[in-house]
């Protein structure tokens, strides 16, 4: 769960895919998704040996970052993606939010170490508390981020 927090902030933002769709290019995102999938599978198999199921979560998070990086790189090369002030401001915030959530979940797992090692019913209850805590905490660190106005995404797509 902690490893997934590295990628969860990626899931809440606007994706790069609409810009590819506008250019009628569906092959590039698909190709990058397949590259990320292959990376995820290979890394999952490698990390599982050392980190067990957490290795799979970490591989998924890293594959998500790879996919976003590839899409952003291609858009940048086409001149459709610029690193503007908003990205410079929000990217570090997203990373900090992910680290805060990971630290909070790690601390919660440490506090619940006893129940997490108990009977199945107790384990399920303790894990439910961790999941609920993560869900409750998730929007909090990013609460200071400016929300996009309804027409902003469409205006960005028209400029692309």
Protein backbone atom coordinates (compact mmCIF):
# COMPACT_ATOMS: atom_id res chain seq x y z
CA UNK A 1 0.00 0.00 0.00
CA UNK A 2 2.87 2.33 0.76
CA UNK A 3 4.46 1.61 -2.62
CA UNK A 4 1.19 2.43 -4.39
CA UNK A 5 1.21 5.93 -2.87
CA UNK A 6 4.15 6.74 -5.15
CA UNK A 7 1.80 6.60 -8.12
CA UNK A 8 -1.57 7.50 -6.67
CA UNK A 9 -1.12 11.23 -7.27
CA UNK A 10 -0.67 10.45 -10.98
CA UNK A 11 -4.16 9.01 -11.08
CA UNK A 12 -5.81 12.24 -9.96
CA UNK A 13 -4.39 14.65 -12.53
CA UNK A 14 -5.24 15.32 -16.14
CA UNK A 15 -3.61 12.77 -18.40
CA UNK A 16 -1.66 13.43 -21.55
CA UNK A 17 -3.90 11.10 -23.58
CA UNK A 18 -6.45 13.78 -24.67
CA UNK A 19 -3.69 15.62 -26.51
CA UNK A 20 -2.82 12.46 -28.42
CA UNK A 21 -6.49 11.82 -29.16
CA UNK A 22 -6.90 15.35 -30.46
CA UNK A 23 -4.00 14.73 -32.83
CA UNK A 24 -5.72 11.45 -33.83
CA UNK A 25 -2.73 9.51 -32.54
CA UNK A 26 -3.90 6.54 -30.53
CA UNK A 27 -0.94 4.34 -31.42
CA UNK A 28 1.62 6.27 -29.36
CA UNK A 29 -0.19 6.04 -25.99
CA UNK A 30 -0.91 2.37 -26.72
CA UNK A 31 2.74 1.70 -27.54
CA UNK A 32 3.89 3.47 -24.38
CA UNK A 33 1.29 1.55 -22.34
CA UNK A 34 2.68 -1.73 -23.69
CA UNK A 35 6.23 -0.64 -22.85
CA UNK A 36 5.10 0.26 -19.32
CA UNK A 37 3.24 -3.05 -19.01
CA UNK A 38 6.33 -5.04 -20.02
CA UNK A 39 8.42 -2.98 -17.59
CA UNK A 40 5.85 -3.61 -14.84
CA UNK A 41 5.81 -7.38 -15.39
CA UNK A 42 9.62 -7.68 -15.57
CA UNK A 43 10.16 -5.49 -12.53
CA UNK A 44 7.37 -7.24 -10.58
CA UNK A 45 8.98 -10.61 -11.18
CA UNK A 46 12.36 -9.23 -10.13
CA UNK A 47 11.24 -7.32 -7.04
CA UNK A 48 8.86 -10.03 -5.82
CA UNK A 49 11.88 -12.16 -4.91
CA UNK A 50 13.16 -9.50 -2.53
CA UNK A 51 10.11 -7.51 -1.39
CA UNK A 52 7.27 -10.05 -1.81
CA UNK A 53 3.94 -8.42 -2.67
CA UNK A 54 5.32 -4.93 -1.93
CA UNK A 55 7.66 -5.42 -4.90
CA UNK A 56 4.65 -5.80 -7.18
CA UNK A 57 3.14 -2.56 -5.85
CA UNK A 58 6.45 -0.74 -6.24
CA UNK A 59 6.83 -2.05 -9.80
CA UNK A 60 3.32 -0.83 -10.64
CA UNK A 61 4.08 2.62 -9.24
CA UNK A 62 7.34 2.86 -11.18
CA UNK A 63 5.64 1.65 -14.38
CA UNK A 64 3.02 4.38 -13.95
CA UNK A 65 5.76 7.00 -13.66
CA UNK A 66 7.45 5.52 -16.74
CA UNK A 67 4.23 5.78 -18.75
CA UNK A 68 3.62 9.40 -17.74
CA UNK A 69 7.27 10.24 -18.46
CA UNK A 70 7.15 8.69 -21.94
CA UNK A 71 3.91 10.47 -22.83
CA UNK A 72 5.21 13.80 -21.52
CA UNK A 73 8.52 13.38 -23.35
CA UNK A 74 6.75 12.71 -26.65
CA UNK A 75 4.42 15.68 -26.19
CA UNK A 76 7.40 17.88 -25.34
CA UNK A 77 9.22 16.79 -28.51
CA UNK A 78 6.13 17.67 -30.54
CA UNK A 79 5.92 21.08 -28.88
CA UNK A 80 2.61 20.28 -27.16
CA UNK A 81 3.93 20.20 -23.61
CA UNK A 82 5.79 22.95 -21.85
CA UNK A 83 6.98 22.98 -18.28
CA UNK A 84 5.13 26.02 -17.06
CA UNK A 85 4.87 27.69 -13.67
CA UNK A 86 1.85 25.60 -12.67
CA UNK A 87 3.70 22.31 -13.32
CA UNK A 88 6.80 23.57 -11.53
CA UNK A 89 4.61 24.40 -8.55
CA UNK A 90 2.40 21.28 -8.54
CA UNK A 91 4.88 18.49 -9.33
CA UNK A 92 6.94 18.94 -6.15
CA UNK A 93 3.69 19.21 -4.18
CA UNK A 94 2.47 15.92 -5.65
CA UNK A 95 5.75 14.23 -4.73
CA UNK A 96 5.61 15.63 -1.20
CA UNK A 97 1.99 14.48 -0.86
CA UNK A 98 2.99 10.98 -1.92
CA UNK A 99 5.83 10.93 0.60
CA UNK A 100 3.57 12.21 3.39
CA UNK A 101 1.00 9.54 2.64
CA UNK A 102 3.68 6.83 2.47
CA UNK A 103 5.15 7.96 5.81
CA UNK A 104 1.70 8.07 7.44
CA UNK A 105 0.86 4.57 6.21
CA UNK A 106 4.25 3.28 7.33
CA UNK A 107 3.66 4.78 10.76
CA UNK A 108 0.17 3.29 10.86
CA UNK A 109 1.54 -0.12 9.91
CA UNK A 110 4.11 0.21 12.69
CA UNK A 111 1.41 1.13 15.23
CA UNK A 112 -0.78 -1.75 14.06
CA UNK A 113 2.05 -4.30 13.86
CA UNK A 114 0.49 -6.43 16.63
CA UNK A 115 -3.01 -6.62 15.13
CA UNK A 116 -1.55 -7.16 11.65
CA UNK A 117 0.18 -10.28 12.97
CA UNK A 118 -2.94 -11.60 14.74
CA UNK A 119 -5.87 -13.73 13.70
CA UNK A 120 -7.38 -13.30 10.24
CA UNK A 121 -10.36 -11.25 11.46
CA UNK A 122 -8.05 -8.94 13.41
CA UNK A 123 -5.72 -8.62 10.41
CA UNK A 124 -8.62 -7.67 8.15
CA UNK A 125 -9.81 -5.08 10.66
CA UNK A 126 -6.31 -3.59 11.04
CA UNK A 127 -5.82 -3.49 7.28
CA UNK A 128 -9.23 -1.84 6.90
CA UNK A 129 -8.11 0.85 9.34
CA UNK A 130 -4.96 1.42 7.28
CA UNK A 131 -6.91 1.63 4.03
CA UNK A 132 -9.47 4.01 5.53
CA UNK A 133 -6.65 6.15 6.94
CA UNK A 134 -5.00 6.31 3.55
CA UNK A 135 -8.27 7.30 1.90
CA UNK A 136 -8.92 9.94 4.53
CA UNK A 137 -5.40 11.35 4.27
CA UNK A 138 -5.09 11.25 0.49
CA UNK A 139 -6.82 14.54 -0.39
CA UNK A 140 -5.50 16.42 2.65
CA UNK A 141 -1.86 17.13 1.71
CA UNK A 142 -2.93 18.34 -1.71
CA UNK A 143 -5.74 20.51 -0.40
CA UNK A 144 -3.73 23.63 -1.14
CA UNK A 145 -3.46 22.84 -4.84
CA UNK A 146 -5.46 25.05 -7.11
CA UNK A 147 -8.38 23.25 -8.74
CA UNK A 148 -8.79 23.54 -12.49
CA UNK A 149 -11.69 25.60 -13.74
CA UNK A 150 -14.17 23.81 -16.04
CA UNK A 151 -12.97 25.45 -19.28
CA UNK A 152 -9.25 25.24 -18.53
CA UNK A 153 -8.72 21.73 -19.89
CA UNK A 154 -10.53 22.54 -23.13
CA UNK A 155 -8.47 25.73 -23.53
CA UNK A 156 -5.27 23.73 -22.98
CA UNK A 157 -6.35 21.22 -25.62
CA UNK A 158 -7.11 23.97 -28.13
CA UNK A 159 -3.61 25.41 -27.63
CA UNK A 160 -2.02 21.95 -28.15
